[in-house]
Protein backbone atom coordinates (compact mmCIF):
# COMPACT_ATOMS: atom_id res chain seq x y z
CA MET A 1 11.21 -9.31 -10.33
CA ARG A 2 7.94 -8.22 -8.78
CA LYS A 3 7.82 -4.59 -7.90
CA VAL A 4 6.01 -3.25 -4.86
CA LEU A 5 5.20 0.40 -4.27
CA VAL A 6 5.21 1.21 -0.47
CA VAL A 7 3.44 4.60 0.18
CA GLU A 8 3.71 5.33 3.79
CA ASP A 9 4.49 8.69 5.78
CA GLU A 10 5.24 6.95 9.07
CA PHE A 11 9.07 6.04 9.07
CA LEU A 12 8.91 3.08 11.31
CA ILE A 13 5.86 1.50 9.61
CA ARG A 14 7.53 2.12 6.29
CA LEU A 15 10.72 0.35 7.28
CA THR A 16 8.87 -2.57 8.62
CA VAL A 17 6.99 -3.21 5.53
CA ILE A 18 10.19 -2.53 3.36
CA ASP A 19 12.02 -5.01 5.43
CA ALA A 20 9.42 -7.80 5.17
CA LEU A 21 9.12 -7.22 1.36
CA GLU A 22 12.77 -7.16 0.61
CA GLU A 23 13.33 -10.29 2.76
CA ALA A 24 10.80 -12.12 0.62
CA GLY A 25 12.64 -11.06 -2.53
CA PHE A 26 10.59 -8.25 -3.86
CA GLU A 27 11.93 -5.00 -5.46
CA VAL A 28 10.66 -2.15 -3.19
CA ILE A 29 9.91 1.31 -4.53
CA VAL A 30 9.16 3.90 -1.82
CA ALA A 31 7.17 7.11 -1.52
CA ALA A 32 6.24 9.18 1.52
CA THR A 33 3.20 10.54 -0.02
CA ALA A 34 0.42 9.67 -2.59
CA ASP A 35 1.58 12.72 -4.77
CA ASP A 36 5.11 11.24 -4.97
CA ALA A 37 3.87 7.93 -5.84
CA LEU A 38 1.95 9.36 -8.69
CA GLN A 39 5.34 10.21 -10.30
CA ILE A 40 6.62 6.90 -9.48
CA ILE A 41 3.88 4.92 -11.33
CA GLU A 42 4.52 7.01 -14.44
CA ASP A 43 7.88 5.27 -14.84
CA HIS A 44 7.38 1.86 -13.32
CA THR A 45 5.00 -1.13 -13.63
CA ILE A 46 3.61 -1.98 -10.26
CA HIS A 47 2.47 -5.34 -9.05
CA LEU A 48 1.45 -4.56 -5.64
CA LEU A 49 0.56 -1.21 -3.79
CA PHE A 50 0.76 -1.03 -0.11
CA THR A 51 -0.55 2.39 0.82
CA ASP A 52 -1.57 4.29 3.99
CA ILE A 53 -4.86 6.10 3.70
CA GLN A 54 -4.23 9.39 5.52
CA MET A 55 -0.99 11.11 4.32
CA PRO A 56 0.07 14.66 3.79
CA GLY A 57 -0.16 16.11 0.40
CA ARG A 58 -2.97 16.76 -2.03
CA LEU A 59 -3.93 12.97 -2.64
CA SER A 60 -4.95 10.27 -0.22
CA GLY A 61 -4.29 6.60 -0.19
CA VAL A 62 -7.75 6.17 -1.49
CA ASP A 63 -7.09 8.42 -4.41
CA LEU A 64 -4.00 6.58 -5.16
CA ALA A 65 -5.62 3.20 -4.98
CA LYS A 66 -8.07 4.24 -7.49
CA VAL A 67 -5.31 5.31 -9.94
CA VAL A 68 -3.38 2.14 -9.45
CA ALA A 69 -6.30 -0.04 -9.92
CA GLU A 70 -7.27 1.75 -13.02
CA ARG A 71 -3.68 1.81 -14.53
CA PHE A 72 -2.66 -1.70 -13.33
CA PRO A 73 -5.71 -3.69 -12.95
CA GLU A 74 -3.97 -6.85 -12.18
CA ALA A 75 -2.11 -5.24 -9.31
CA GLY A 76 -2.81 -6.17 -5.65
CA ILE A 77 -3.71 -3.24 -3.46
CA LEU A 78 -3.25 -3.12 0.34
CA VAL A 79 -4.48 -0.21 2.33
CA ALA A 80 -3.33 0.34 5.84
CA SER A 81 -4.22 2.84 8.35
CA GLY A 82 -4.37 3.32 12.29
CA ARG A 83 -7.24 5.78 11.75
CA MET A 84 -9.25 4.03 8.87
CA ARG A 85 -12.87 5.02 8.82
CA PRO A 86 -15.53 3.06 7.11
CA ASP A 87 -16.36 6.15 4.90
CA GLU A 88 -12.88 6.03 3.56
CA LEU A 89 -13.12 2.37 2.62
CA ALA A 90 -16.56 3.18 0.93
CA GLN A 91 -14.89 5.63 -1.35
CA LEU A 92 -12.83 3.09 -2.90
CA GLY A 93 -16.03 1.94 -4.53
CA ARG A 94 -15.40 -1.21 -6.80
CA VAL A 95 -11.63 -1.26 -6.21
CA SER A 96 -10.76 -4.51 -4.56
CA VAL A 97 -8.44 -4.07 -1.62
CA GLU A 98 -7.02 -6.02 1.22
CA THR A 99 -6.89 -4.11 4.60
CA ILE A 100 -4.31 -4.14 7.41
CA ARG A 101 -4.74 -1.99 10.42
CA PHE A 102 -1.98 -0.42 12.61
CA PHE A 103 -2.69 0.16 16.30
CA ASN A 104 -0.73 2.69 18.20
CA GLY A 105 1.91 2.91 15.54
CA ASP A 106 2.64 -0.89 15.83
CA LEU A 107 2.11 -3.26 12.99
CA ALA A 108 -0.77 -5.45 14.43
CA ALA A 109 -2.89 -6.82 11.74
CA GLU A 110 -5.90 -9.06 11.34
CA GLY A 111 -3.74 -12.10 10.76
CA ASP A 112 -0.14 -12.23 9.95
CA VAL A 113 1.14 -9.05 8.44
CA TYR A 114 4.19 -10.60 6.89
CA GLU A 115 2.02 -13.35 5.38
CA THR A 116 -0.75 -10.94 4.14
CA ILE A 117 1.67 -8.63 2.28
CA THR A 118 3.75 -11.42 0.72
CA SER A 119 1.02 -13.56 -0.30
CA LEU A 120 -0.89 -10.63 -2.04
CA ALA A 121 2.47 -9.72 -3.79
CA ILE A 122 2.85 -13.33 -4.90
CA ARG A 123 -0.55 -13.60 -6.30
CA THR A 124 -0.25 -10.61 -8.57
């Protein structure tokens, strides 16, 4: 079964993403911070990372995306944020990512969120 690591500090967004992925048949592993997620990837193979960019803790979602891209080069990486700045995406460098934006705490994407998440998870 494909494993998706969801790293999101906003409770309602985290639940929405988890529900969509579980309904699509994926195994979902959850972390509220990038720091917690680092511990998780030590013990699990990840097929898809869904991460917020700005989170509490020492590491950002950008930092986490870089680690996952290095450790799991075939994994899909999807970054999401209501406050995504171009300089944050530029920090990703060569890491290939899909992006989803959240507006006012609601899941409002460039396209269908459910379809974006599940199609990226299926491709990996």
